[in-house]
Amino acid sequence: MAKALRNLAGDAIIGGVPAPVIVQCDNCGKKNRVPAVAAGLPRCGHCQASLPWIAEADDESYRAVVERAKVPVLVDLWAPWCGPCKVVSPALEQLARERAGKLKLVKIDVDTSPRISTRFDVRGIPTLMVVVDGRVVDRHVGAAPEAALRQWLETALARRPTQPAGPTAGPAEQAGPGGGTA
């Protein structure tokens, strides 16, 4: 019997797409279910303010959650046992809050998503990637202070995608213009 896939909160992953994540609205304080995949952008059901889009993905859901996103995606490749990953996570969530409606933060556990780890040649974690229109525009490996991550993200978002997208894209396409940040 197949084991049910679960997200970080222990919720089942349904039909290859992770279950919604509960996000509290910074404007009114109400809790909202934010799906990993949606046609539009997440908004508070109470006050209609833009919500930070924080989702999870895995090998099966990566294409739907990341590559088909209508906004730039900050991908966090991490593991539950990784100390630096735990340090960086709150900073990434803060960056997603600051860019509510303009950025999607997607967390991928490398231990449970070996194909994604291989596809992007992950050799150290946390590995952060900025994906625009399904293409990696920059990556950063290792922990850094929130201010440094903010600067890196702003620079990466200003870049235009130049690498090919798709399942055959290899590690060479991951560095981004100028070799990326490592």
C-alpha atoms as a PDB file:
ATOM      1  CA  MET A   1       0.000   0.000   0.000  1.00  0.00           C
ATOM      2  CA  ALA A   2       1.316   3.456  -0.894  1.00  0.00           C
ATOM      3  CA  LYS A   3       2.155   5.784   1.944  1.00  0.00           C
ATOM      4  CA  ALA A   4       0.242   9.068   1.825  1.00  0.00           C
ATOM      5  CA  LEU A   5       2.462  12.033   1.073  1.00  0.00           C
ATOM      6  CA  ARG A   6       2.289  14.760   3.721  1.00  0.00           C
ATOM      7  CA  ASN A   7       3.381  18.393   3.867  1.00  0.00           C
ATOM      8  CA  LEU A   8       5.341  20.008   6.710  1.00  0.00           C
ATOM      9  CA  ALA A   9       2.166  20.384   8.769  1.00  0.00           C
ATOM     10  CA  GLY A  10       1.376  16.684   8.318  1.00  0.00           C
ATOM     11  CA  ASP A  11      -1.492  17.330   5.881  1.00  0.00           C
ATOM     12  CA  ALA A  12      -1.955  14.865   3.053  1.00  0.00           C
ATOM     13  CA  ILE A  13      -0.794  15.860  -0.413  1.00  0.00           C
ATOM     14  CA  ILE A  14      -3.858  15.351  -2.607  1.00  0.00           C
ATOM     15  CA  GLY A  15      -3.598  14.468  -6.296  1.00  0.00           C
ATOM     16  CA  GLY A  16       0.089  15.390  -6.442  1.00  0.00           C
ATOM     17  CA  VAL A  17      -0.578  18.930  -5.184  1.00  0.00           C
ATOM     18  CA  PRO A  18       0.227  19.813  -1.567  1.00  0.00           C
ATOM     19  CA  ALA A  19      -2.665  20.704   0.716  1.00  0.00           C
ATOM     20  CA  PRO A  20      -3.298  24.409   1.370  1.00  0.00           C
ATOM     21  CA  VAL A  21      -1.149  26.188   3.962  1.00  0.00           C
ATOM     22  CA  ILE A  22      -2.808  28.284   6.674  1.00  0.00           C
ATOM     23  CA  VAL A  23      -1.561  31.898   6.490  1.00  0.00           C
ATOM     24  CA  GLN A  24      -2.517  34.671   8.864  1.00  0.00           C
ATOM     25  CA  CYS A  25      -3.394  37.991   7.237  1.00  0.00           C
ATOM     26  CA  ASP A  26      -0.971  40.732   8.301  1.00  0.00           C
ATOM     27  CA  ASN A  27      -3.736  43.305   7.784  1.00  0.00           C
ATOM     28  CA  CYS A  28      -6.681  41.912   9.793  1.00  0.00           C
ATOM     29  CA  GLY A  29      -5.217  38.874  11.579  1.00  0.00           C
ATOM     30  CA  LYS A  30      -7.676  36.351  10.112  1.00  0.00           C
ATOM     31  CA  LYS A  31      -6.402  32.916   9.114  1.00  0.00           C
ATOM     32  CA  ASN A  32      -6.742  31.852   5.484  1.00  0.00           C
ATOM     33  CA  ARG A  33      -6.129  28.647   3.547  1.00  0.00           C
ATOM     34  CA  VAL A  34      -3.690  29.389   0.732  1.00  0.00           C
ATOM     35  CA  PRO A  35      -3.476  26.718  -1.970  1.00  0.00           C
ATOM     36  CA  ALA A  36      -0.131  25.734  -3.478  1.00  0.00           C
ATOM     37  CA  VAL A  37      -1.612  26.148  -6.969  1.00  0.00           C
ATOM     38  CA  ALA A  38      -4.177  28.779  -7.955  1.00  0.00           C
ATOM     39  CA  ALA A  39      -5.230  30.716 -11.040  1.00  0.00           C
ATOM     40  CA  GLY A  40      -5.020  34.036  -9.211  1.00  0.00           C
ATOM     41  CA  LEU A  41      -3.103  35.473  -6.274  1.00  0.00           C
ATOM     42  CA  PRO A  42      -4.016  34.727  -2.649  1.00  0.00           C
ATOM     43  CA  ARG A  43      -6.161  37.337  -0.908  1.00  0.00           C
ATOM     44  CA  CYS A  44      -7.632  37.436   2.574  1.00  0.00           C
ATOM     45  CA  GLY A  45     -11.210  36.195   2.579  1.00  0.00           C
ATOM     46  CA  HIS A  46     -12.110  38.822   5.192  1.00  0.00           C
ATOM     47  CA  CYS A  47     -10.380  42.088   4.186  1.00  0.00           C
ATOM     48  CA  GLN A  48      -9.201  41.208   0.634  1.00  0.00           C
ATOM     49  CA  ALA A  49      -5.572  42.204   1.383  1.00  0.00           C
ATOM     50  CA  SER A  50      -2.856  40.359  -0.541  1.00  0.00           C
ATOM     51  CA  LEU A  51      -1.525  37.386   1.411  1.00  0.00           C
ATOM     52  CA  PRO A  52       2.013  36.027   1.433  1.00  0.00           C
ATOM     53  CA  TRP A  53       2.057  32.973  -0.818  1.00  0.00           C
ATOM     54  CA  ILE A  54       3.956  30.279   1.028  1.00  0.00           C
ATOM     55  CA  ALA A  55       3.631  26.762  -0.343  1.00  0.00           C
ATOM     56  CA  GLU A  56       5.337  23.403  -0.436  1.00  0.00           C
ATOM     57  CA  ALA A  57       6.251  21.218  -3.393  1.00  0.00           C
ATOM     58  CA  ASP A  58       7.921  17.909  -4.137  1.00  0.00           C
ATOM     59  CA  ASP A  59       9.082  15.889  -7.127  1.00  0.00           C
ATOM     60  CA  GLU A  60       5.524  15.358  -8.381  1.00  0.00           C
ATOM     61  CA  SER A  61       4.131  18.847  -7.774  1.00  0.00           C
ATOM     62  CA  TYR A  62       7.140  21.015  -8.723  1.00  0.00           C
ATOM     63  CA  ARG A  63       5.963  21.810 -12.246  1.00  0.00           C
ATOM     64  CA  ALA A  64       2.453  22.858 -11.144  1.00  0.00           C
ATOM     65  CA  VAL A  65       3.539  24.746  -8.023  1.00  0.00           C
ATOM     66  CA  VAL A  66       6.713  26.449  -9.305  1.00  0.00           C
ATOM     67  CA  GLU A  67       7.074  26.451 -13.087  1.00  0.00           C
ATOM     68  CA  ARG A  68       3.473  27.440 -13.829  1.00  0.00           C
ATOM     69  CA  ALA A  69       3.322  30.224 -11.219  1.00  0.00           C
ATOM     70  CA  LYS A  70       2.156  33.611 -12.492  1.00  0.00           C
ATOM     71  CA  VAL A  71       4.547  35.470 -10.150  1.00  0.00           C
ATOM     72  CA  PRO A  72       8.276  35.018  -9.463  1.00  0.00           C
ATOM     73  CA  VAL A  73       9.023  32.108  -7.137  1.00  0.00           C
ATOM     74  CA  LEU A  74      11.634  31.926  -4.389  1.00  0.00           C
ATOM     75  CA  VAL A  75      12.423  28.208  -4.013  1.00  0.00           C
ATOM     76  CA  ASP A  76      13.911  27.043  -0.710  1.00  0.00           C
ATOM     77  CA  LEU A  77      15.580  23.624  -1.016  1.00  0.00           C
ATOM     78  CA  TRP A  78      16.031  22.535   2.585  1.00  0.00           C
ATOM     79  CA  ALA A  79      15.972  19.559   4.990  1.00  0.00           C
ATOM     80  CA  PRO A  80      14.417  19.222   8.465  1.00  0.00           C
ATOM     81  CA  TRP A  81      17.763  18.245  10.042  1.00  0.00           C
ATOM     82  CA  CYS A  82      19.627  21.258   8.575  1.00  0.00           C
ATOM     83  CA  GLY A  83      20.447  23.935  11.168  1.00  0.00           C
ATOM     84  CA  PRO A  84      21.226  26.724   8.654  1.00  0.00           C
ATOM     85  CA  CYS A  85      17.936  25.930   6.865  1.00  0.00           C
ATOM     86  CA  LYS A  86      16.036  26.543  10.102  1.00  0.00           C
ATOM     87  CA  VAL A  87      17.874  29.846  10.583  1.00  0.00           C
ATOM     88  CA  VAL A  88      17.076  31.086   7.060  1.00  0.00           C
ATOM     89  CA  SER A  89      13.416  30.006   7.007  1.00  0.00           C
ATOM     90  CA  PRO A  90      11.983  32.924   9.070  1.00  0.00           C
ATOM     91  CA  ALA A  91      13.887  35.433   6.909  1.00  0.00           C
ATOM     92  CA  LEU A  92      12.464  33.872   3.742  1.00  0.00           C
ATOM     93  CA  GLU A  93       8.952  33.978   5.175  1.00  0.00           C
ATOM     94  CA  GLN A  94       9.466  37.657   6.038  1.00  0.00           C
ATOM     95  CA  LEU A  95      10.582  38.366   2.465  1.00  0.00           C
ATOM     96  CA  ALA A  96       7.433  36.608   1.205  1.00  0.00           C
ATOM     97  CA  ARG A  97       5.299  38.744   3.551  1.00  0.00           C
ATOM     98  CA  GLU A  98       6.968  41.943   2.323  1.00  0.00           C
ATOM     99  CA  ARG A  99       6.204  40.922  -1.271  1.00  0.00           C
ATOM    100  CA  ALA A 100       2.666  39.596  -0.765  1.00  0.00           C
ATOM    101  CA  GLY A 101       0.961  39.384  -4.144  1.00  0.00           C
ATOM    102  CA  LYS A 102       4.291  39.718  -5.981  1.00  0.00           C
ATOM    103  CA  LEU A 103       6.291  36.633  -4.902  1.00  0.00           C
ATOM    104  CA  LYS A 104       5.633  32.996  -4.081  1.00  0.00           C
ATOM    105  CA  LEU A 105       7.838  31.165  -1.548  1.00  0.00           C
ATOM    106  CA  VAL A 106       8.004  27.421  -2.182  1.00  0.00           C
ATOM    107  CA  LYS A 107       9.720  25.080   0.259  1.00  0.00           C
ATOM    108  CA  ILE A 108      11.034  21.731  -0.998  1.00  0.00           C
ATOM    109  CA  ASP A 109      12.424  19.083   1.364  1.00  0.00           C
ATOM    110  CA  VAL A 110      15.446  17.651  -0.495  1.00  0.00           C
ATOM    111  CA  ASP A 111      15.263  14.398   1.471  1.00  0.00           C
ATOM    112  CA  THR A 112      11.793  13.620   0.116  1.00  0.00           C
ATOM    113  CA  SER A 113      12.372  15.126  -3.355  1.00  0.00           C
ATOM    114  CA  PRO A 114      15.502  13.458  -4.748  1.00  0.00           C
ATOM    115  CA  ARG A 115      14.629  14.173  -8.403  1.00  0.00           C
ATOM    116  CA  ILE A 116      14.460  17.923  -7.753  1.00  0.00           C
ATOM    117  CA  SER A 117      17.766  17.734  -5.861  1.00  0.00           C
ATOM    118  CA  THR A 118      19.368  15.939  -8.798  1.00  0.00           C
ATOM    119  CA  ARG A 119      17.808  18.160 -11.447  1.00  0.00           C
ATOM    120  CA  PHE A 120      19.197  21.285  -9.817  1.00  0.00           C
ATOM    121  CA  ASP A 121      22.487  19.698  -8.744  1.00  0.00           C
ATOM    122  CA  VAL A 122      21.929  20.551  -5.074  1.00  0.00           C
ATOM    123  CA  ARG A 123      25.232  20.028  -3.267  1.00  0.00           C
ATOM    124  CA  GLY A 124      24.615  22.160  -0.198  1.00  0.00           C
ATOM    125  CA  ILE A 125      21.579  23.386   1.696  1.00  0.00           C
ATOM    126  CA  PRO A 126      19.870  25.618   2.021  1.00  0.00           C
ATOM    127  CA  THR A 127      19.891  26.226  -1.724  1.00  0.00           C
ATOM    128  CA  LEU A 128      17.706  29.130  -2.788  1.00  0.00           C
ATOM    129  CA  MET A 129      16.594  29.716  -6.366  1.00  0.00           C
ATOM    130  CA  VAL A 130      14.594  32.476  -7.980  1.00  0.00           C
ATOM    131  CA  VAL A 131      12.368  31.129 -10.756  1.00  0.00           C
ATOM    132  CA  VAL A 132      10.649  33.497 -13.204  1.00  0.00           C
ATOM    133  CA  ASP A 133       8.410  32.193 -15.978  1.00  0.00           C
ATOM    134  CA  GLY A 134       9.535  28.644 -15.200  1.00  0.00           C
ATOM    135  CA  ARG A 135      13.250  29.460 -15.504  1.00  0.00           C
ATOM    136  CA  VAL A 136      15.909  29.755 -12.826  1.00  0.00           C
ATOM    137  CA  VAL A 137      17.344  33.275 -12.913  1.00  0.00           C
ATOM    138  CA  ASP A 138      19.663  32.975  -9.909  1.00  0.00           C
ATOM    139  CA  ARG A 139      20.595  30.743  -7.001  1.00  0.00           C
ATOM    140  CA  HIS A 140      22.246  31.137  -3.616  1.00  0.00           C
ATOM    141  CA  VAL A 141      23.742  28.366  -1.497  1.00  0.00           C
ATOM    142  CA  GLY A 142      24.066  28.634   2.273  1.00  0.00           C
ATOM    143  CA  ALA A 143      22.637  30.700   5.085  1.00  0.00           C
ATOM    144  CA  ALA A 144      22.899  34.485   5.114  1.00  0.00           C
ATOM    145  CA  PRO A 145      21.456  37.341   7.174  1.00  0.00           C
ATOM    146  CA  GLU A 146      18.031  38.633   6.156  1.00  0.00           C
ATOM    147  CA  ALA A 147      19.479  41.880   4.753  1.00  0.00           C
ATOM    148  CA  ALA A 148      21.871  39.955   2.486  1.00  0.00           C
ATOM    149  CA  LEU A 149      19.057  37.651   1.331  1.00  0.00           C
ATOM    150  CA  ARG A 150      16.858  40.683   0.613  1.00  0.00           C
ATOM    151  CA  GLN A 151      19.610  42.266  -1.525  1.00  0.00           C
ATOM    152  CA  TRP A 152      20.228  38.989  -3.368  1.00  0.00           C
ATOM    153  CA  LEU A 153      16.492  38.557  -4.017  1.00  0.00           C
ATOM    154  CA  GLU A 154      16.073  42.119  -5.336  1.00  0.00           C
ATOM    155  CA  THR A 155      19.038  41.643  -7.693  1.00  0.00           C
ATOM    156  CA  ALA A 156      17.747  38.259  -8.860  1.00  0.00           C
ATOM    157  CA  LEU A 157      14.228  39.583  -9.482  1.00  0.00           C
ATOM    158  CA  ALA A 158      15.667  42.334 -11.685  1.00  0.00           C
ATOM    159  CA  ARG A 159      17.196  39.703 -13.998  1.00  0.00           C
ATOM    160  CA  ARG A 160      15.394  38.388 -17.036  1.00  0.00           C
ATOM    161  CA  PRO A 161      15.212  34.616 -17.472  1.00  0.00           C
ATOM    162  CA  THR A 162      17.687  33.308 -20.038  1.00  0.00           C
ATOM    163  CA  GLN A 163      17.903  29.606 -19.239  1.00  0.00           C
ATOM    164  CA  PRO A 164      15.698  26.928 -20.826  1.00  0.00           C
ATOM    165  CA  ALA A 165      12.912  25.501 -18.691  1.00  0.00           C
ATOM    166  CA  GLY A 166      11.649  21.952 -18.604  1.00  0.00           C
ATOM    167  CA  PRO A 167      12.489  18.558 -17.205  1.00  0.00           C
ATOM    168  CA  THR A 168      15.596  18.130 -19.365  1.00  0.00           C
ATOM    169  CA  ALA A 169      17.262  21.278 -18.038  1.00  0.00           C
ATOM    170  CA  GLY A 170      20.495  20.301 -16.334  1.00  0.00           C
ATOM    171  CA  PRO A 171      22.786  21.778 -13.683  1.00  0.00           C
ATOM    172  CA  ALA A 172      24.542  24.073 -16.166  1.00  0.00           C
ATOM    173  CA  GLU A 173      21.357  26.127 -16.569  1.00  0.00           C
ATOM    174  CA  GLN A 174      21.043  26.743 -12.873  1.00  0.00           C
ATOM    175  CA  ALA A 175      23.802  29.266 -12.250  1.00  0.00           C
ATOM    176  CA  GLY A 176      22.047  32.124 -14.017  1.00  0.00           C
ATOM    177  CA  PRO A 177      23.669  35.019 -15.843  1.00  0.00           C
ATOM    178  CA  GLY A 178      27.129  35.760 -14.540  1.00  0.00           C
ATOM    179  CA  GLY A 179      27.398  32.468 -12.664  1.00  0.00           C
ATOM    180  CA  GLY A 180      24.882  33.264  -9.890  1.00  0.00           C
ATOM    181  CA  THR A 181      25.604  33.537  -6.216  1.00  0.00           C
ATOM    182  CA  ALA A 182      27.212  30.754  -4.216  1.00  0.00           C
END
